[in-house]
Amino acid sequence: MIPISVVDIPAAAHDLVSDVLRSGMLAQGPKVARLEELAAEMAGARHAMAVNNGTTALVVAIEALQLQPGDEVVTTPFTFVATLNAILEAGATARFADIGDDYNVDVDSLAAAITPSTKVLLPVHLYGQAADMVAISALAESRGLAVVEDAAQSHGATQAGRPVGSWGIGCFSLYGTKNVTTGEGGLVTTNDDAIADRIRVLRNQGMRARYQYEVPGHNYRLTDLAAAVGIPQLERLGEINAVRNRNAAYLTDHLADVTGLTVPPVGADRGHVWHQYTVRIGPDALLSRDAFVEALQAEGVGCGVYYPRPVYDYDCYREHPRVIAGDAPQAERIAREVVSLPVHPKLSEGDLATIVSTVRKVLGC
């Protein structure tokens, strides 16, 4: 089986983990500080704060904006459920806009979803491609709204040469399958000094100094052990993303003419980092999306459906008083068609050729 993802921990991480174990300082320490330096550089931001996972990165980013009961966050319904859960955990109300063909939130739909209760726009940079932050930032500025970026899948992605995580409050995941991983972990980036200060206090039980409590907070700290795993990956992030781009280019070059399959679109001003290579299996394909998935797996090619439904389309959210589904026909349609193919850096030339030949075989091309 060619796997959909592979965890690749560089040898340098083993040495750094050993350093931490020998030091006896396992909690938030110098390795976390180094990880934060690299993350700030990646995002082109003045500040980066490490936390214990990507969901808590979103929670603490929203909490730092000090929203009040009834305040709304407008986001995309085509995302992992952590986006929605974080909004709810932070006490806000979630409202949804539709998406475009690039799988990211549609700016016109985002503008139409804004109400007098809206306080935050929360785009998701899905699959490794930035949302249209030029337009979203202009919209937010014109309406007096804050921006929180869910960049969980987009370490190093850009629009117009500007990194994600620098347009608003950026939130990155370091989960085991991400382009950069610490197993579990997260990062928050910002250029706002006051927001950065509040996040540092919130992640540390609300303490500015030991037993000096300023706000009710959390234990969202990252360990030095986890940071040691992530440091060498961030140091070679450009290399990692370059390989992903080469693999994605190969797949697009060899699959663009397959009947019924739509290769992933890339914006002209976007620097995609290909967390996932996500195609669409349309109604004119030889197989349905689900039959296509089964056929690929039977042939030894791993794949995945990310995501099978809009996040509001589950029983636990349908009647939730702080989930306002709205109308997102494009998201609902795309959710029925998407499937992701392997694009990770450990693929060989033979693996890529096998993926292509298998896709063409099962779709009769």
Foldseek 3Di string as FASTA:
>chain_A
DAAQFDFDFDPQLVVLLVVCVVVVAWFDDDLQVLLFVLQCVQQVAPGKHKFFWLLVLLLLLVVLVVADAAAEEEEALQAPCSNVVSCVVNRAFYEYFAPDLLSKGDLVRSLVRDDPRYAEYEIECPQAKDDPLVSVLVSCVVVVHAYEYADQAHRNKDFLPHGPLESGWYKYGQDRLHLFHLNGMMMIGYRDPSSNQSSVCQCCQQDPDVVRHDDGHHVGTDTSSSSSRRNVSSVCVVVQQVQLVVLLVLLCVLCCPQPQKHWNDHDPRMDGSRSWGKIFRHPRFPDFQVVLQVQCVVVPWHKAQRALARSCPDPVNVPDPRYHYPDHVVSGVRSRTMMTGRRGNVDDPVNSVSVSVSSCVVRVD
